[in-house]
């Protein structure tokens, strides 16, 4: 009888936890707003070394924003380093 109760308790615990996980997951049918950070956007990017080939890349809006911000930081860093190299006093 004890084994049965342990199995029943364990089963109910697992059932309850799966309900919580399902409640936190977004519904597959739900459409996200186009500007939502979790919405996926696809872009066609040119392939280096090819005149016509393009590659389709899909990422979330948050990932695209993070990539853009990193590219801006890299560009600012390159400009700062090139200016420091041109300064005879620095």
PDB file of N, CA and C in Angstrom:
ATOM      1  N   UNK A   1       0.824  -1.191   0.000  1.00  0.00           N
ATOM      2  CA  UNK A   1       0.000   0.000   0.000  1.00  0.00           C
ATOM      3  C   UNK A   1       0.871   1.260   0.000  1.00  0.00           C
ATOM      4  N   UNK A   2       1.992   1.214   0.773  1.00  0.00           N
ATOM      5  CA  UNK A   2       2.884   2.375   0.824  1.00  0.00           C
ATOM      6  C   UNK A   2       3.469   2.688  -0.551  1.00  0.00           C
ATOM      7  N   UNK A   3       3.874   1.652  -1.291  1.00  0.00           N
ATOM      8  CA  UNK A   3       4.464   1.841  -2.610  1.00  0.00           C
ATOM      9  C   UNK A   3       3.453   2.511  -3.540  1.00  0.00           C
ATOM     10  N   UNK A   4       2.213   2.067  -3.465  1.00  0.00           N
ATOM     11  CA  UNK A   4       1.166   2.653  -4.289  1.00  0.00           C
ATOM     12  C   UNK A   4       0.989   4.138  -3.980  1.00  0.00           C
ATOM     13  N   UNK A   5       0.978   4.500  -2.706  1.00  0.00           N
ATOM     14  CA  UNK A   5       0.811   5.902  -2.329  1.00  0.00           C
ATOM     15  C   UNK A   5       1.992   6.757  -2.785  1.00  0.00           C
ATOM     16  N   UNK A   6       3.202   6.209  -2.697  1.00  0.00           N
ATOM     17  CA  UNK A   6       4.389   6.937  -3.155  1.00  0.00           C
ATOM     18  C   UNK A   6       4.307   7.159  -4.655  1.00  0.00           C
ATOM     19  N   UNK A   7       3.926   6.122  -5.400  1.00  0.00           N
ATOM     20  CA  UNK A   7       3.800   6.250  -6.843  1.00  0.00           C
ATOM     21  C   UNK A   7       2.694   7.235  -7.208  1.00  0.00           C
ATOM     22  N   UNK A   8       1.589   7.188  -6.492  1.00  0.00           N
ATOM     23  CA  UNK A   8       0.494   8.105  -6.743  1.00  0.00           C
ATOM     24  C   UNK A   8       0.917   9.542  -6.457  1.00  0.00           C
ATOM     25  N   UNK A   9       1.602   9.760  -5.351  1.00  0.00           N
ATOM     26  CA  UNK A   9       2.075  11.095  -4.995  1.00  0.00           C
ATOM     27  C   UNK A   9       3.071  11.599  -6.029  1.00  0.00           C
ATOM     28  N   UNK A  10       4.009  10.748  -6.442  1.00  0.00           N
ATOM     29  CA  UNK A  10       4.995  11.117  -7.440  1.00  0.00           C
ATOM     30  C   UNK A  10       4.312  11.444  -8.768  1.00  0.00           C
ATOM     31  N   UNK A  11       3.342  10.640  -9.141  1.00  0.00           N
ATOM     32  CA  UNK A  11       2.615  10.876 -10.384  1.00  0.00           C
ATOM     33  C   UNK A  11       1.863  12.193 -10.364  1.00  0.00           C
ATOM     34  N   UNK A  12       1.210  12.496  -9.247  1.00  0.00           N
ATOM     35  CA  UNK A  12       0.481  13.758  -9.133  1.00  0.00           C
ATOM     36  C   UNK A  12       1.440  14.946  -9.122  1.00  0.00           C
ATOM     37  N   UNK A  13       2.607  14.783  -8.493  1.00  0.00           N
ATOM     38  CA  UNK A  13       3.601  15.852  -8.478  1.00  0.00           C
ATOM     39  C   UNK A  13       4.092  16.126  -9.885  1.00  0.00           C
ATOM     40  N   UNK A  14       4.403  15.078 -10.641  1.00  0.00           N
ATOM     41  CA  UNK A  14       4.857  15.261 -12.015  1.00  0.00           C
ATOM     42  C   UNK A  14       3.766  15.863 -12.882  1.00  0.00           C
ATOM     43  N   UNK A  15       2.540  15.443 -12.673  1.00  0.00           N
ATOM     44  CA  UNK A  15       1.424  15.988 -13.428  1.00  0.00           C
ATOM     45  C   UNK A  15       1.265  17.472 -13.129  1.00  0.00           C
ATOM     46  N   UNK A  16       1.358  17.835 -11.868  1.00  0.00           N
ATOM     47  CA  UNK A  16       1.238  19.242 -11.494  1.00  0.00           C
ATOM     48  C   UNK A  16       2.364  20.083 -12.062  1.00  0.00           C
ATOM     49  N   UNK A  17       3.590  19.553 -12.087  1.00  0.00           N
ATOM     50  CA  UNK A  17       4.714  20.324 -12.619  1.00  0.00           C
ATOM     51  C   UNK A  17       4.602  20.480 -14.128  1.00  0.00           C
ATOM     52  N   UNK A  18       4.054  19.477 -14.812  1.00  0.00           N
ATOM     53  CA  UNK A  18       3.911  19.613 -16.255  1.00  0.00           C
ATOM     54  C   UNK A  18       2.857  20.658 -16.596  1.00  0.00           C
ATOM     55  N   UNK A  19       1.866  20.796 -15.762  1.00  0.00           N
ATOM     56  CA  UNK A  19       0.855  21.828 -15.986  1.00  0.00           C
ATOM     57  C   UNK A  19       1.485  23.206 -15.829  1.00  0.00           C
ATOM     58  N   UNK A  20       2.369  23.360 -14.855  1.00  0.00           N
ATOM     59  CA  UNK A  20       3.041  24.643 -14.655  1.00  0.00           C
ATOM     60  C   UNK A  20       3.915  24.969 -15.853  1.00  0.00           C
ATOM     61  N   UNK A  21       4.660  23.984 -16.357  1.00  0.00           N
ATOM     62  CA  UNK A  21       5.523  24.205 -17.509  1.00  0.00           C
ATOM     63  C   UNK A  21       4.684  24.595 -18.719  1.00  0.00           C
ATOM     64  N   UNK A  22       3.566  23.894 -18.923  1.00  0.00           N
ATOM     65  CA  UNK A  22       2.707  24.211 -20.049  1.00  0.00           C
ATOM     66  C   UNK A  22       2.103  25.601 -19.918  1.00  0.00           C
ATOM     67  N   UNK A  23       1.796  26.027 -18.698  1.00  0.00           N
ATOM     68  CA  UNK A  23       1.206  27.350 -18.511  1.00  0.00           C
ATOM     69  C   UNK A  23       2.209  28.446 -18.820  1.00  0.00           C
ATOM     70  N   UNK A  24       3.510  28.170 -18.623  1.00  0.00           N
ATOM     71  CA  UNK A  24       4.524  29.180 -18.883  1.00  0.00           C
ATOM     72  C   UNK A  24       4.912  29.245 -20.350  1.00  0.00           C
ATOM     73  N   UNK A  25       4.748  28.166 -21.083  1.00  0.00           N
ATOM     74  CA  UNK A  25       5.129  28.142 -22.492  1.00  0.00           C
ATOM     75  C   UNK A  25       4.097  28.915 -23.313  1.00  0.00           C
ATOM     76  N   UNK A  26       4.561  29.694 -24.306  1.00  0.00           N
ATOM     77  CA  UNK A  26       3.615  30.428 -25.142  1.00  0.00           C
ATOM     78  C   UNK A  26       2.838  29.460 -26.029  1.00  0.00           C
ATOM     79  N   UNK A  27       1.622  29.800 -26.289  1.00  0.00           N
ATOM     80  CA  UNK A  27       0.780  28.954 -27.128  1.00  0.00           C
ATOM     81  C   UNK A  27       1.294  28.999 -28.563  1.00  0.00           C
ATOM     82  N   UNK A  28       1.271  27.869 -29.228  1.00  0.00           N
ATOM     83  CA  UNK A  28       1.767  27.790 -30.601  1.00  0.00           C
ATOM     84  C   UNK A  28       0.867  28.589 -31.542  1.00  0.00           C
ATOM     85  N   UNK A  29      -0.406  28.703 -31.195  1.00  0.00           N
ATOM     86  CA  UNK A  29      -1.351  29.416 -32.049  1.00  0.00           C
ATOM     87  C   UNK A  29      -1.248  30.930 -31.897  1.00  0.00           C
ATOM     88  N   UNK A  30      -0.699  31.404 -30.788  1.00  0.00           N
ATOM     89  CA  UNK A  30      -0.674  32.838 -30.511  1.00  0.00           C
ATOM     90  C   UNK A  30       0.280  33.546 -31.464  1.00  0.00           C
ATOM     91  N   UNK A  31      -0.193  34.609 -32.065  1.00  0.00           N
ATOM     92  CA  UNK A  31       0.626  35.430 -32.941  1.00  0.00           C
ATOM     93  C   UNK A  31       1.244  36.544 -32.118  1.00  0.00           C
ATOM     94  N   UNK A  32       2.540  36.696 -32.222  1.00  0.00           N
ATOM     95  CA  UNK A  32       3.232  37.770 -31.521  1.00  0.00           C
ATOM     96  C   UNK A  32       3.137  39.046 -32.336  1.00  0.00           C
ATOM     97  N   UNK A  33       3.144  40.162 -31.643  1.00  0.00           N
ATOM     98  CA  UNK A  33       3.199  41.446 -32.312  1.00  0.00           C
ATOM     99  C   UNK A  33       4.501  41.512 -33.100  1.00  0.00           C
ATOM    100  N   UNK A  34       4.475  42.144 -34.222  1.00  0.00           N
ATOM    101  CA  UNK A  34       5.641  42.225 -35.102  1.00  0.00           C
ATOM    102  C   UNK A  34       6.852  42.856 -34.416  1.00  0.00           C
ATOM    103  N   UNK A  35       6.616  43.757 -33.466  1.00  0.00           N
ATOM    104  CA  UNK A  35       7.701  44.436 -32.763  1.00  0.00           C
ATOM    105  C   UNK A  35       8.068  43.778 -31.440  1.00  0.00           C
ATOM    106  N   UNK A  36       7.440  42.665 -31.108  1.00  0.00           N
ATOM    107  CA  UNK A  36       7.746  41.948 -29.875  1.00  0.00           C
ATOM    108  C   UNK A  36       9.186  41.435 -29.926  1.00  0.00           C
ATOM    109  N   UNK A  37       9.940  41.543 -28.824  1.00  0.00           N
ATOM    110  CA  UNK A  37      11.337  41.067 -28.826  1.00  0.00           C
ATOM    111  C   UNK A  37      11.475  39.577 -29.123  1.00  0.00           C
ATOM    112  N   UNK A  38      10.435  38.789 -28.875  1.00  0.00           N
ATOM    113  CA  UNK A  38      10.496  37.347 -29.119  1.00  0.00           C
ATOM    114  C   UNK A  38       9.969  36.946 -30.496  1.00  0.00           C
ATOM    115  N   UNK A  39       9.466  37.911 -31.252  1.00  0.00           N
ATOM    116  CA  UNK A  39       8.971  37.619 -32.588  1.00  0.00           C
ATOM    117  C   UNK A  39      10.153  37.329 -33.503  1.00  0.00           C
ATOM    118  N   UNK A  40      10.003  36.338 -34.362  1.00  0.00           N
ATOM    119  CA  UNK A  40      11.090  35.946 -35.265  1.00  0.00           C
ATOM    120  C   UNK A  40      10.960  36.707 -36.575  1.00  0.00           C
ATOM    121  N   UNK A  41      12.087  37.235 -37.032  1.00  0.00           N
ATOM    122  CA  UNK A  41      12.149  37.930 -38.319  1.00  0.00           C
ATOM    123  C   UNK A  41      13.220  37.284 -39.167  1.00  0.00           C
ATOM    124  N   UNK A  42      12.952  37.162 -40.434  1.00  0.00           N
ATOM    125  CA  UNK A  42      13.921  36.587 -41.364  1.00  0.00           C
ATOM    126  C   UNK A  42      14.409  37.683 -42.305  1.00  0.00           C
ATOM    127  N   UNK A  43      15.704  37.642 -42.597  1.00  0.00           N
ATOM    128  CA  UNK A  43      16.310  38.597 -43.519  1.00  0.00           C
ATOM    129  C   UNK A  43      17.123  37.820 -44.541  1.00  0.00           C
ATOM    130  N   UNK A  44      17.216  38.397 -45.728  1.00  0.00           N
ATOM    131  CA  UNK A  44      18.052  37.803 -46.770  1.00  0.00           C
ATOM    132  C   UNK A  44      19.358  38.589 -46.809  1.00  0.00           C
ATOM    133  N   UNK A  45      20.448  37.905 -46.473  1.00  0.00           N
ATOM    134  CA  UNK A  45      21.753  38.544 -46.402  1.00  0.00           C
ATOM    135  C   UNK A  45      22.617  38.083 -47.571  1.00  0.00           C
ATOM    136  N   UNK A  46      23.373  39.018 -48.128  1.00  0.00           N
ATOM    137  CA  UNK A  46      24.266  38.681 -49.238  1.00  0.00           C
ATOM    138  C   UNK A  46      25.403  37.799 -48.740  1.00  0.00           C
ATOM    139  N   UNK A  47      25.774  36.826 -49.563  1.00  0.00           N
ATOM    140  CA  UNK A  47      26.862  35.924 -49.230  1.00  0.00           C
ATOM    141  C   UNK A  47      28.158  36.530 -49.759  1.00  0.00           C
ATOM    142  N   UNK A  48      29.141  36.669 -48.878  1.00  0.00           N
ATOM    143  CA  UNK A  48      30.422  37.242 -49.275  1.00  0.00           C
ATOM    144  C   UNK A  48      31.071  36.381 -50.345  1.00  0.00           C
ATOM    145  N   UNK A  49      31.546  37.032 -51.411  1.00  0.00           N
ATOM    146  CA  UNK A  49      32.203  36.323 -52.506  1.00  0.00           C
ATOM    147  C   UNK A  49      31.253  35.930 -53.624  1.00  0.00           C
ATOM    148  N   UNK A  50      29.988  36.235 -53.481  1.00  0.00           N
ATOM    149  CA  UNK A  50      29.017  35.897 -54.518  1.00  0.00           C
ATOM    150  C   UNK A  50      28.302  37.171 -54.964  1.00  0.00           C
ATOM    151  N   UNK A  51      28.030  37.279 -56.235  1.00  0.00           N
ATOM    152  CA  UNK A  51      27.330  38.451 -56.747  1.00  0.00           C
ATOM    153  C   UNK A  51      25.819  38.335 -56.606  1.00  0.00           C
ATOM    154  N   UNK A  52      25.313  37.113 -56.624  1.00  0.00           N
ATOM    155  CA  UNK A  52      23.862  36.941 -56.621  1.00  0.00           C
ATOM    156  C   UNK A  52      23.325  36.113 -55.463  1.00  0.00           C
ATOM    157  N   UNK A  53      24.145  35.296 -54.843  1.00  0.00           N
ATOM    158  CA  UNK A  53      23.653  34.388 -53.802  1.00  0.00           C
ATOM    159  C   UNK A  53      23.315  35.140 -52.520  1.00  0.00           C
ATOM    160  N   UNK A  54      22.171  34.801 -51.958  1.00  0.00           N
ATOM    161  CA  UNK A  54      21.735  35.377 -50.682  1.00  0.00           C
ATOM    162  C   UNK A  54      21.323  34.243 -49.765  1.00  0.00           C
ATOM    163  N   UNK A  55      21.486  34.477 -48.487  1.00  0.00           N
ATOM    164  CA  UNK A  55      21.162  33.468 -47.494  1.00  0.00           C
ATOM    165  C   UNK A  55      20.055  34.004 -46.594  1.00  0.00           C
ATOM    166  N   UNK A  56      19.096  33.159 -46.292  1.00  0.00           N
ATOM    167  CA  UNK A  56      17.996  33.552 -45.409  1.00  0.00           C
ATOM    168  C   UNK A  56      18.382  33.229 -43.967  1.00  0.00           C
ATOM    169  N   UNK A  57      18.361  34.258 -43.108  1.00  0.00           N
ATOM    170  CA  UNK A  57      18.729  34.103 -41.705  1.00  0.00           C
ATOM    171  C   UNK A  57      17.551  34.557 -40.854  1.00  0.00           C
ATOM    172  N   UNK A  58      17.117  33.700 -39.928  1.00  0.00           N
ATOM    173  CA  UNK A  58      15.987  34.015 -39.060  1.00  0.00           C
ATOM    174  C   UNK A  58      16.463  34.107 -37.611  1.00  0.00           C
ATOM    175  N   UNK A  59      16.096  35.193 -36.949  1.00  0.00           N
ATOM    176  CA  UNK A  59      16.430  35.427 -35.541  1.00  0.00           C
ATOM    177  C   UNK A  59      15.288  36.216 -34.908  1.00  0.00           C
ATOM    178  N   UNK A  60      15.283  36.252 -33.580  1.00  0.00           N
ATOM    179  CA  UNK A  60      14.278  37.069 -32.891  1.00  0.00           C
ATOM    180  C   UNK A  60      14.668  38.540 -32.998  1.00  0.00           C
ATOM    181  N   UNK A  61      13.704  39.413 -32.766  1.00  0.00           N
ATOM    182  CA  UNK A  61      13.996  40.848 -32.788  1.00  0.00           C
ATOM    183  C   UNK A  61      15.075  41.206 -31.768  1.00  0.00           C
ATOM    184  N   UNK A  62      15.051  40.560 -30.607  1.00  0.00           N
ATOM    185  CA  UNK A  62      16.059  40.832 -29.582  1.00  0.00           C
ATOM    186  C   UNK A  62      17.454  40.429 -30.077  1.00  0.00           C
ATOM    187  N   UNK A  63      17.555  39.309 -30.772  1.00  0.00           N
ATOM    188  CA  UNK A  63      18.853  38.875 -31.303  1.00  0.00           C
ATOM    189  C   UNK A  63      19.346  39.833 -32.382  1.00  0.00           C
ATOM    190  N   UNK A  64      18.451  40.280 -33.284  1.00  0.00           N
ATOM    191  CA  UNK A  64      18.846  41.242 -34.312  1.00  0.00           C
ATOM    192  C   UNK A  64      19.324  42.544 -33.672  1.00  0.00           C
ATOM    193  N   UNK A  65      18.646  42.989 -32.625  1.00  0.00           N
ATOM    194  CA  UNK A  65      19.033  44.226 -31.937  1.00  0.00           C
ATOM    195  C   UNK A  65      20.405  44.063 -31.271  1.00  0.00           C
ATOM    196  N   UNK A  66      20.641  42.923 -30.646  1.00  0.00           N
ATOM    197  CA  UNK A  66      21.933  42.675 -29.995  1.00  0.00           C
ATOM    198  C   UNK A  66      23.061  42.641 -31.025  1.00  0.00           C
ATOM    199  N   UNK A  67      22.827  42.046 -32.184  1.00  0.00           N
ATOM    200  CA  UNK A  67      23.831  42.012 -33.248  1.00  0.00           C
ATOM    201  C   UNK A  67      24.131  43.423 -33.732  1.00  0.00           C
ATOM    202  N   UNK A  68      23.100  44.215 -33.940  1.00  0.00           N
ATOM    203  CA  UNK A  68      23.276  45.593 -34.397  1.00  0.00           C
ATOM    204  C   UNK A  68      24.060  46.425 -33.379  1.00  0.00           C
ATOM    205  N   UNK A  69      23.723  46.265 -32.104  1.00  0.00           N
ATOM    206  CA  UNK A  69      24.437  47.007 -31.062  1.00  0.00           C
ATOM    207  C   UNK A  69      25.903  46.597 -30.992  1.00  0.00           C
ATOM    208  N   UNK A  70      26.194  45.303 -31.148  1.00  0.00           N
ATOM    209  CA  UNK A  70      27.583  44.828 -31.129  1.00  0.00           C
ATOM    210  C   UNK A  70      28.351  45.378 -32.330  1.00  0.00           C
ATOM    211  N   UNK A  71      27.723  45.408 -33.493  1.00  0.00           N
ATOM    212  CA  UNK A  71      28.375  45.954 -34.680  1.00  0.00           C
ATOM    213  C   UNK A  71      28.675  47.436 -34.497  1.00  0.00           C
ATOM    214  N   UNK A  72      27.749  48.177 -33.878  1.00  0.00           N
ATOM    215  CA  UNK A  72      27.993  49.598 -33.613  1.00  0.00           C
ATOM    216  C   UNK A  72      29.154  49.787 -32.644  1.00  0.00           C
ATOM    217  N   UNK A  73      29.228  48.951 -31.602  1.00  0.00           N
ATOM    218  CA  UNK A  73      30.350  49.037 -30.654  1.00  0.00           C
ATOM    219  C   UNK A  73      31.676  48.726 -31.343  1.00  0.00           C
ATOM    220  N   UNK A  74      31.668  47.711 -32.211  1.00  0.00           N
ATOM    221  CA  UNK A  74      32.885  47.352 -32.942  1.00  0.00           C
ATOM    222  C   UNK A  74      33.337  48.495 -33.851  1.00  0.00           C
ATOM    223  N   UNK A  75      32.395  49.136 -34.529  1.00  0.00           N
ATOM    224  CA  UNK A  75      32.736  50.259 -35.404  1.00  0.00           C
ATOM    225  C   UNK A  75      33.285  51.434 -34.596  1.00  0.00           C
ATOM    226  N   UNK A  76      32.649  51.748 -33.473  1.00  0.00           N
ATOM    227  CA  UNK A  76      33.149  52.833 -32.616  1.00  0.00           C
ATOM    228  C   UNK A  76      34.552  52.522 -32.106  1.00  0.00           C
ATOM    229  N   UNK A  77      34.794  51.272 -31.738  1.00  0.00           N
ATOM    230  CA  UNK A  77      36.105  50.863 -31.246  1.00  0.00           C
ATOM    231  C   UNK A  77      37.163  51.015 -32.342  1.00  0.00           C
ATOM    232  N   UNK A  78      36.836  50.625 -33.568  1.00  0.00           N
ATOM    233  CA  UNK A  78      37.769  50.738 -34.678  1.00  0.00           C
ATOM    234  C   UNK A  78      38.111  52.200 -34.958  1.00  0.00           C
ATOM    235  N   UNK A  79      37.106  53.062 -34.917  1.00  0.00           N
ATOM    236  CA  UNK A  79      37.334  54.497 -35.146  1.00  0.00           C
ATOM    237  C   UNK A  79      38.196  55.073 -34.042  1.00  0.00           C
ATOM    238  N   UNK A  80      37.918  54.712 -32.808  1.00  0.00           N
ATOM    239  CA  UNK A  80      38.697  55.208 -31.667  1.00  0.00           C
ATOM    240  C   UNK A  80      40.149  54.759 -31.776  1.00  0.00           C
ATOM    241  N   UNK A  81      40.380  53.495 -32.130  1.00  0.00           N
ATOM    242  CA  UNK A  81      41.755  53.002 -32.261  1.00  0.00           C
ATOM    243  C   UNK A  81      42.484  53.658 -33.422  1.00  0.00           C
ATOM    244  N   UNK A  82      41.780  53.911 -34.534  1.00  0.00           N
ATOM    245  CA  UNK A  82      42.452  54.548 -35.678  1.00  0.00           C
ATOM    246  C   UNK A  82      42.803  55.998 -35.359  1.00  0.00           C
ATOM    247  N   UNK A  83      41.958  56.668 -34.605  1.00  0.00           N
ATOM    248  CA  UNK A  83      42.268  58.050 -34.203  1.00  0.00           C
ATOM    249  C   UNK A  83      43.453  58.083 -33.240  1.00  0.00           C
ATOM    250  N   UNK A  84      43.516  57.127 -32.347  1.00  0.00           N
ATOM    251  CA  UNK A  84      44.630  57.077 -31.389  1.00  0.00           C
ATOM    252  C   UNK A  84      45.942  56.816 -32.120  1.00  0.00           C
ATOM    253  N   UNK A  85      45.938  56.037 -33.182  1.00  0.00           N
ATOM    254  CA  UNK A  85      47.143  55.758 -33.966  1.00  0.00           C
ATOM    255  C   UNK A  85      47.603  56.956 -34.764  1.00  0.00           C
ATOM    256  N   UNK A  86      46.682  57.856 -35.102  1.00  0.00           N
ATOM    257  CA  UNK A  86      47.017  59.041 -35.897  1.00  0.00           C
ATOM    258  C   UNK A  86      47.481  60.196 -35.004  1.00  0.00           C
ATOM    259  N   UNK A  87      47.255  60.107 -33.723  1.00  0.00           N
ATOM    260  CA  UNK A  87      47.604  61.189 -32.801  1.00  0.00           C
ATOM    261  C   UNK A  87      49.097  61.058 -32.429  1.00  0.00           C
ATOM    262  N   UNK A  88      49.941  62.026 -32.810  1.00  0.00           N
ATOM    263  CA  UNK A  88      51.376  61.899 -32.512  1.00  0.00           C
ATOM    264  C   UNK A  88      51.669  62.018 -31.014  1.00  0.00           C
ATOM    265  N   UNK A  89      50.774  62.583 -30.232  1.00  0.00           N
ATOM    266  CA  UNK A  89      51.003  62.745 -28.789  1.00  0.00           C
ATOM    267  C   UNK A  89      50.436  61.591 -27.979  1.00  0.00           C
ATOM    268  N   UNK A  90      49.699  60.685 -28.598  1.00  0.00           N
ATOM    269  CA  UNK A  90      49.015  59.654 -27.832  1.00  0.00           C
ATOM    270  C   UNK A  90      49.524  58.341 -28.007  1.00  0.00           C
TER     271      UNK A  90
END
